[in-house]
N, C-alpha and C. Protein backbone atom coordinates (compact mmCIF):
# COMPACT_ATOMS: atom_id res chain seq x y z
N UNK A 1 31.75 124.62 -170.73
CA UNK A 1 31.39 123.22 -170.72
C UNK A 1 32.64 122.41 -170.42
N UNK A 2 32.48 121.41 -169.62
CA UNK A 2 33.62 120.63 -169.18
C UNK A 2 34.01 119.56 -170.20
N UNK A 3 35.20 119.06 -170.04
CA UNK A 3 35.70 117.99 -170.89
C UNK A 3 34.85 116.74 -170.72
N UNK A 4 34.38 116.52 -169.50
CA UNK A 4 33.53 115.35 -169.23
C UNK A 4 32.26 115.39 -170.08
N UNK A 5 31.62 116.55 -170.19
CA UNK A 5 30.39 116.68 -171.00
C UNK A 5 30.68 116.40 -172.46
N UNK A 6 31.82 116.84 -172.96
CA UNK A 6 32.19 116.60 -174.35
C UNK A 6 32.42 115.11 -174.58
N UNK A 7 33.10 114.46 -173.65
CA UNK A 7 33.36 113.03 -173.79
C UNK A 7 32.07 112.21 -173.72
N UNK A 8 31.17 112.59 -172.83
CA UNK A 8 29.88 111.92 -172.75
C UNK A 8 29.13 112.13 -174.07
N UNK A 9 29.28 113.30 -174.66
CA UNK A 9 28.61 113.63 -175.92
C UNK A 9 29.09 112.84 -177.11
N UNK A 10 30.23 112.16 -177.00
CA UNK A 10 30.70 111.31 -178.11
C UNK A 10 29.75 110.15 -178.30
N UNK A 11 29.18 109.66 -177.22
CA UNK A 11 28.32 108.49 -177.29
C UNK A 11 26.83 108.82 -177.16
N UNK A 12 26.51 109.89 -176.49
CA UNK A 12 25.11 110.20 -176.22
C UNK A 12 24.63 111.31 -177.13
N UNK A 13 23.43 111.14 -177.68
CA UNK A 13 22.89 112.14 -178.60
C UNK A 13 21.60 112.77 -178.09
N UNK A 14 21.47 112.86 -176.76
CA UNK A 14 20.29 113.50 -176.18
C UNK A 14 20.66 114.04 -174.80
N UNK A 15 19.85 114.96 -174.31
CA UNK A 15 20.02 115.49 -172.97
C UNK A 15 18.68 116.06 -172.53
N UNK A 16 18.46 116.13 -171.24
CA UNK A 16 17.21 116.65 -170.73
C UNK A 16 17.35 117.17 -169.33
N UNK A 17 16.33 117.89 -168.89
CA UNK A 17 16.33 118.46 -167.55
C UNK A 17 15.35 117.68 -166.68
N UNK A 18 15.57 117.76 -165.38
CA UNK A 18 14.64 117.15 -164.43
C UNK A 18 14.94 117.68 -163.03
N UNK A 19 14.07 117.36 -162.09
CA UNK A 19 14.29 117.73 -160.69
C UNK A 19 15.49 117.00 -160.11
N UNK A 20 15.74 115.79 -160.59
CA UNK A 20 16.78 114.94 -160.02
C UNK A 20 18.09 114.97 -160.79
N UNK A 21 18.28 115.93 -161.67
CA UNK A 21 19.51 116.00 -162.45
C UNK A 21 20.71 116.24 -161.54
N UNK A 22 21.80 115.53 -161.82
CA UNK A 22 23.02 115.71 -161.02
C UNK A 22 23.68 117.05 -161.32
N UNK A 23 23.62 117.46 -162.57
CA UNK A 23 24.19 118.74 -162.99
C UNK A 23 23.21 119.85 -162.62
N UNK A 24 23.62 120.82 -161.79
CA UNK A 24 22.69 121.88 -161.39
C UNK A 24 22.18 122.72 -162.56
N UNK A 25 22.94 122.74 -163.66
CA UNK A 25 22.49 123.50 -164.83
C UNK A 25 21.38 122.78 -165.59
N UNK A 26 21.15 121.51 -165.27
CA UNK A 26 20.09 120.74 -165.93
C UNK A 26 18.89 120.49 -165.01
N UNK A 27 18.78 121.29 -163.97
CA UNK A 27 17.62 121.15 -163.07
C UNK A 27 16.45 121.95 -163.63
N UNK A 28 15.25 121.45 -163.38
CA UNK A 28 14.03 122.13 -163.79
C UNK A 28 14.01 123.55 -163.24
N UNK A 29 13.59 124.51 -164.06
CA UNK A 29 13.46 125.90 -163.62
C UNK A 29 12.02 126.13 -163.18
N UNK A 30 11.87 126.82 -162.05
CA UNK A 30 10.54 127.14 -161.53
C UNK A 30 10.34 128.64 -161.50
N UNK A 31 9.12 129.04 -161.84
CA UNK A 31 8.78 130.46 -161.89
C UNK A 31 7.47 130.69 -161.14
N UNK A 32 7.39 131.81 -160.44
CA UNK A 32 6.17 132.18 -159.71
C UNK A 32 5.20 132.86 -160.66
N UNK A 33 4.64 132.08 -161.53
CA UNK A 33 3.67 132.54 -162.52
C UNK A 33 2.60 131.48 -162.70
N UNK A 34 1.40 131.91 -163.05
CA UNK A 34 0.38 130.95 -163.44
C UNK A 34 0.79 130.33 -164.76
N UNK A 35 0.35 129.11 -165.00
CA UNK A 35 0.77 128.38 -166.20
C UNK A 35 0.43 129.15 -167.49
N UNK A 36 -0.75 129.74 -167.56
CA UNK A 36 -1.15 130.46 -168.77
C UNK A 36 -0.23 131.65 -169.06
N UNK A 37 0.11 132.39 -168.02
CA UNK A 37 1.01 133.54 -168.21
C UNK A 37 2.41 133.06 -168.57
N UNK A 38 2.86 132.01 -167.90
CA UNK A 38 4.18 131.46 -168.21
C UNK A 38 4.21 130.94 -169.64
N UNK A 39 3.14 130.27 -170.07
CA UNK A 39 3.07 129.75 -171.43
C UNK A 39 3.22 130.88 -172.44
N UNK A 40 2.49 131.97 -172.23
CA UNK A 40 2.55 133.11 -173.15
C UNK A 40 3.97 133.66 -173.23
N UNK A 41 4.61 133.84 -172.09
CA UNK A 41 5.97 134.38 -172.05
C UNK A 41 6.98 133.44 -172.70
N UNK A 42 6.91 132.16 -172.34
CA UNK A 42 7.85 131.17 -172.89
C UNK A 42 7.66 131.04 -174.40
N UNK A 43 6.42 130.92 -174.83
CA UNK A 43 6.13 130.76 -176.25
C UNK A 43 6.62 131.96 -177.07
N UNK A 44 6.30 133.16 -176.63
CA UNK A 44 6.72 134.34 -177.39
C UNK A 44 8.23 134.51 -177.38
N UNK A 45 8.87 134.16 -176.27
CA UNK A 45 10.33 134.28 -176.17
C UNK A 45 11.02 133.29 -177.10
N UNK A 46 10.56 132.04 -177.12
CA UNK A 46 11.19 131.01 -177.96
C UNK A 46 11.04 131.32 -179.45
N UNK A 47 9.95 131.95 -179.83
CA UNK A 47 9.73 132.29 -181.23
C UNK A 47 10.69 133.37 -181.73
N UNK A 48 11.25 134.14 -180.80
CA UNK A 48 12.13 135.25 -181.18
C UNK A 48 13.61 134.88 -181.22
N UNK A 49 13.97 133.67 -180.78
CA UNK A 49 15.38 133.29 -180.72
C UNK A 49 15.86 132.92 -182.12
N UNK A 50 16.88 133.61 -182.64
CA UNK A 50 17.37 133.29 -183.98
C UNK A 50 18.00 131.90 -184.03
N UNK A 51 17.77 131.20 -185.14
CA UNK A 51 18.34 129.88 -185.33
C UNK A 51 17.44 128.75 -184.88
N UNK A 52 16.37 129.07 -184.18
CA UNK A 52 15.42 128.07 -183.72
C UNK A 52 14.11 128.24 -184.48
N UNK A 53 13.48 127.13 -184.81
CA UNK A 53 12.21 127.17 -185.53
C UNK A 53 11.16 126.41 -184.72
N UNK A 54 10.06 127.07 -184.41
CA UNK A 54 8.97 126.43 -183.68
C UNK A 54 8.21 125.54 -184.66
N UNK A 55 8.15 124.25 -184.35
CA UNK A 55 7.44 123.31 -185.21
C UNK A 55 6.00 123.08 -184.78
N UNK A 56 5.80 123.04 -183.46
CA UNK A 56 4.47 122.66 -182.97
C UNK A 56 4.28 123.20 -181.55
N UNK A 57 3.07 123.64 -181.26
CA UNK A 57 2.71 124.11 -179.93
C UNK A 57 1.38 123.50 -179.52
N UNK A 58 1.32 123.00 -178.30
CA UNK A 58 0.07 122.49 -177.75
C UNK A 58 -0.09 123.11 -176.37
N UNK A 59 -0.86 124.18 -176.28
CA UNK A 59 -1.00 124.91 -175.04
C UNK A 59 -1.69 124.08 -173.97
N UNK A 60 -2.69 123.29 -174.34
CA UNK A 60 -3.41 122.50 -173.34
C UNK A 60 -2.50 121.49 -172.64
N UNK A 61 -1.51 120.98 -173.35
CA UNK A 61 -0.56 120.03 -172.78
C UNK A 61 0.64 120.77 -172.19
N UNK A 62 0.95 121.94 -172.74
CA UNK A 62 2.08 122.74 -172.27
C UNK A 62 3.38 122.38 -172.94
N UNK A 63 3.33 121.95 -174.22
CA UNK A 63 4.56 121.57 -174.93
C UNK A 63 4.78 122.39 -176.18
N UNK A 64 6.04 122.74 -176.37
CA UNK A 64 6.47 123.44 -177.57
C UNK A 64 7.60 122.61 -178.17
N UNK A 65 7.52 122.33 -179.47
CA UNK A 65 8.56 121.57 -180.15
C UNK A 65 9.33 122.52 -181.06
N UNK A 66 10.66 122.53 -180.90
CA UNK A 66 11.54 123.39 -181.68
C UNK A 66 12.51 122.53 -182.49
N UNK A 67 13.11 123.17 -183.49
CA UNK A 67 14.13 122.52 -184.30
C UNK A 67 15.29 123.49 -184.46
N UNK A 68 16.51 122.97 -184.42
CA UNK A 68 17.69 123.79 -184.62
C UNK A 68 18.70 123.01 -185.44
N UNK A 69 19.29 123.67 -186.41
CA UNK A 69 20.36 123.08 -187.21
C UNK A 69 21.69 123.48 -186.58
N UNK A 70 22.59 122.52 -186.42
CA UNK A 70 23.91 122.81 -185.86
C UNK A 70 24.85 123.26 -186.96
N UNK A 71 26.03 123.72 -186.56
CA UNK A 71 27.03 124.17 -187.51
C UNK A 71 27.52 123.03 -188.40
N UNK A 72 27.40 121.79 -187.90
CA UNK A 72 27.84 120.63 -188.66
C UNK A 72 26.73 120.02 -189.50
N UNK A 73 25.57 120.67 -189.54
CA UNK A 73 24.47 120.22 -190.39
C UNK A 73 23.52 119.23 -189.73
N UNK A 74 23.73 118.91 -188.48
CA UNK A 74 22.81 118.00 -187.78
C UNK A 74 21.60 118.78 -187.31
N UNK A 75 20.50 118.07 -187.11
CA UNK A 75 19.27 118.69 -186.65
C UNK A 75 18.99 118.24 -185.22
N UNK A 76 18.67 119.21 -184.39
CA UNK A 76 18.31 118.95 -183.00
C UNK A 76 16.82 119.17 -182.85
N UNK A 77 16.14 118.23 -182.21
CA UNK A 77 14.73 118.37 -181.89
C UNK A 77 14.62 118.65 -180.40
N UNK A 78 13.97 119.76 -180.05
CA UNK A 78 13.89 120.20 -178.66
C UNK A 78 12.42 120.28 -178.26
N UNK A 79 12.10 119.72 -177.09
CA UNK A 79 10.76 119.83 -176.54
C UNK A 79 10.85 120.62 -175.24
N UNK A 80 10.08 121.68 -175.16
CA UNK A 80 10.01 122.51 -173.96
C UNK A 80 8.63 122.30 -173.35
N UNK A 81 8.61 121.92 -172.07
CA UNK A 81 7.36 121.65 -171.37
C UNK A 81 7.15 122.68 -170.27
N UNK A 82 5.98 123.27 -170.26
CA UNK A 82 5.59 124.20 -169.20
C UNK A 82 4.59 123.45 -168.32
N UNK A 83 5.00 123.17 -167.08
CA UNK A 83 4.23 122.33 -166.18
C UNK A 83 3.64 123.13 -165.03
N UNK A 84 2.41 122.85 -164.70
CA UNK A 84 1.74 123.52 -163.59
C UNK A 84 2.06 122.76 -162.31
N UNK A 85 2.69 123.39 -161.33
CA UNK A 85 3.00 122.73 -160.06
C UNK A 85 2.10 123.19 -158.93
N UNK A 86 1.55 124.38 -159.05
CA UNK A 86 0.56 124.90 -158.10
C UNK A 86 -0.17 126.03 -158.83
N UNK A 87 -1.22 126.58 -158.23
CA UNK A 87 -1.95 127.64 -158.94
C UNK A 87 -1.11 128.87 -159.29
N UNK A 88 -0.04 129.12 -158.53
CA UNK A 88 0.78 130.31 -158.80
C UNK A 88 2.25 129.97 -159.06
N UNK A 89 2.52 128.74 -159.45
CA UNK A 89 3.90 128.33 -159.72
C UNK A 89 3.91 127.32 -160.85
N UNK A 90 4.90 127.44 -161.72
CA UNK A 90 5.03 126.49 -162.82
C UNK A 90 6.51 126.14 -163.01
N UNK A 91 6.74 125.04 -163.70
CA UNK A 91 8.09 124.60 -164.00
C UNK A 91 8.30 124.50 -165.50
N UNK A 92 9.56 124.65 -165.92
CA UNK A 92 9.90 124.52 -167.34
C UNK A 92 10.99 123.46 -167.46
N UNK A 93 10.67 122.40 -168.20
CA UNK A 93 11.60 121.31 -168.46
C UNK A 93 11.91 121.28 -169.95
N UNK A 94 13.08 120.73 -170.29
CA UNK A 94 13.48 120.63 -171.69
C UNK A 94 14.10 119.27 -171.97
N UNK A 95 13.91 118.82 -173.21
CA UNK A 95 14.55 117.60 -173.70
C UNK A 95 15.02 117.89 -175.11
N UNK A 96 16.27 117.58 -175.38
CA UNK A 96 16.85 117.83 -176.71
C UNK A 96 17.51 116.55 -177.20
N UNK A 97 17.27 116.21 -178.47
CA UNK A 97 17.85 115.01 -179.06
C UNK A 97 18.30 115.32 -180.48
N UNK A 98 19.41 114.70 -180.87
CA UNK A 98 19.96 114.86 -182.22
C UNK A 98 19.40 113.79 -183.14
N UNK A 99 19.11 114.16 -184.35
CA UNK A 99 18.71 113.17 -185.35
C UNK A 99 19.97 112.48 -185.86
N UNK A 100 19.85 111.22 -186.15
CA UNK A 100 21.00 110.48 -186.68
C UNK A 100 21.70 109.69 -185.61
N UNK A 101 22.74 109.00 -186.02
CA UNK A 101 23.47 108.15 -185.09
C UNK A 101 24.68 108.89 -184.53
N UNK A 102 25.39 108.22 -183.68
CA UNK A 102 26.57 108.74 -182.99
C UNK A 102 26.19 109.85 -182.01
N UNK A 103 27.17 110.40 -181.36
CA UNK A 103 26.94 111.41 -180.34
C UNK A 103 26.83 112.81 -180.91
N UNK A 104 26.65 113.75 -180.02
CA UNK A 104 26.46 115.14 -180.42
C UNK A 104 27.56 116.07 -179.93
N UNK A 105 28.55 115.53 -179.23
CA UNK A 105 29.66 116.30 -178.67
C UNK A 105 29.18 117.42 -177.74
N UNK A 106 28.06 117.19 -177.07
CA UNK A 106 27.55 118.16 -176.11
C UNK A 106 26.64 119.23 -176.69
N UNK A 107 26.25 119.10 -177.95
CA UNK A 107 25.41 120.12 -178.59
C UNK A 107 24.06 120.26 -177.89
N UNK A 108 23.45 119.15 -177.51
CA UNK A 108 22.16 119.21 -176.84
C UNK A 108 22.27 119.89 -175.48
N UNK A 109 23.33 119.61 -174.77
CA UNK A 109 23.59 120.26 -173.48
C UNK A 109 23.71 121.77 -173.65
N UNK A 110 24.47 122.19 -174.65
CA UNK A 110 24.66 123.63 -174.90
C UNK A 110 23.37 124.31 -175.31
N UNK A 111 22.54 123.63 -176.10
CA UNK A 111 21.27 124.20 -176.54
C UNK A 111 20.34 124.42 -175.35
N UNK A 112 20.28 123.44 -174.47
CA UNK A 112 19.44 123.57 -173.27
C UNK A 112 19.93 124.75 -172.43
N UNK A 113 21.25 124.88 -172.28
CA UNK A 113 21.80 125.99 -171.50
C UNK A 113 21.44 127.33 -172.13
N UNK A 114 21.53 127.41 -173.46
CA UNK A 114 21.21 128.66 -174.15
C UNK A 114 19.74 129.02 -173.96
N UNK A 115 18.85 128.05 -174.12
CA UNK A 115 17.42 128.33 -173.96
C UNK A 115 17.09 128.75 -172.53
N UNK A 116 17.68 128.09 -171.55
CA UNK A 116 17.45 128.48 -170.16
C UNK A 116 17.99 129.88 -169.89
N UNK A 117 19.12 130.24 -170.47
CA UNK A 117 19.67 131.59 -170.27
C UNK A 117 18.71 132.64 -170.81
N UNK A 118 18.16 132.38 -171.99
CA UNK A 118 17.21 133.33 -172.59
C UNK A 118 15.95 133.43 -171.74
N UNK A 119 15.41 132.28 -171.30
CA UNK A 119 14.20 132.31 -170.47
C UNK A 119 14.46 132.95 -169.12
N UNK A 120 15.63 132.67 -168.52
CA UNK A 120 15.95 133.29 -167.22
C UNK A 120 16.10 134.80 -167.35
N UNK A 121 16.60 135.25 -168.49
CA UNK A 121 16.73 136.70 -168.71
C UNK A 121 15.35 137.34 -168.79
N UNK A 122 14.44 136.66 -169.47
CA UNK A 122 13.08 137.19 -169.65
C UNK A 122 12.24 137.04 -168.38
N UNK A 123 12.35 135.90 -167.70
CA UNK A 123 11.49 135.59 -166.55
C UNK A 123 12.24 135.62 -165.22
N UNK A 124 13.43 136.18 -165.19
CA UNK A 124 14.29 136.16 -164.01
C UNK A 124 13.63 136.69 -162.75
N UNK A 125 12.78 137.70 -162.88
CA UNK A 125 12.17 138.27 -161.67
C UNK A 125 11.12 137.34 -161.05
N UNK A 126 10.70 136.34 -161.82
CA UNK A 126 9.72 135.36 -161.31
C UNK A 126 10.36 134.05 -160.89
N UNK A 127 11.68 133.91 -161.06
CA UNK A 127 12.36 132.64 -160.80
C UNK A 127 12.37 132.32 -159.31
N UNK A 128 12.10 131.05 -159.00
CA UNK A 128 12.18 130.55 -157.62
C UNK A 128 13.10 129.34 -157.60
N UNK A 129 13.53 128.95 -156.42
CA UNK A 129 14.41 127.78 -156.30
C UNK A 129 13.65 126.51 -156.08
């Protein structure tokens, strides 16, 4: 993680992914899977990651809400969205925000990177650009 991300994290307490993200590591991930199959894989994978707790799942909407406690005792709320882009392709977006005031020193950025690494490891053979 760069010094710039840490400095931005002093003031900002949230981060998210999108198609238009300037940082290539924060771009939406696309997989050549039907939404239902992707949902099953993403949901089961997220439940197995140590340190994360699944709070809520809504399959019809395609959202999973997670919670993670940081080393400094702050709580991060993470929303993972599985979006249908075509009958055989879906996208996975994430949004992470810290509870409380002040910045997060890049914790939300790192959490998103960790979750994407785990999902890419599991779904790597289905990943598209």
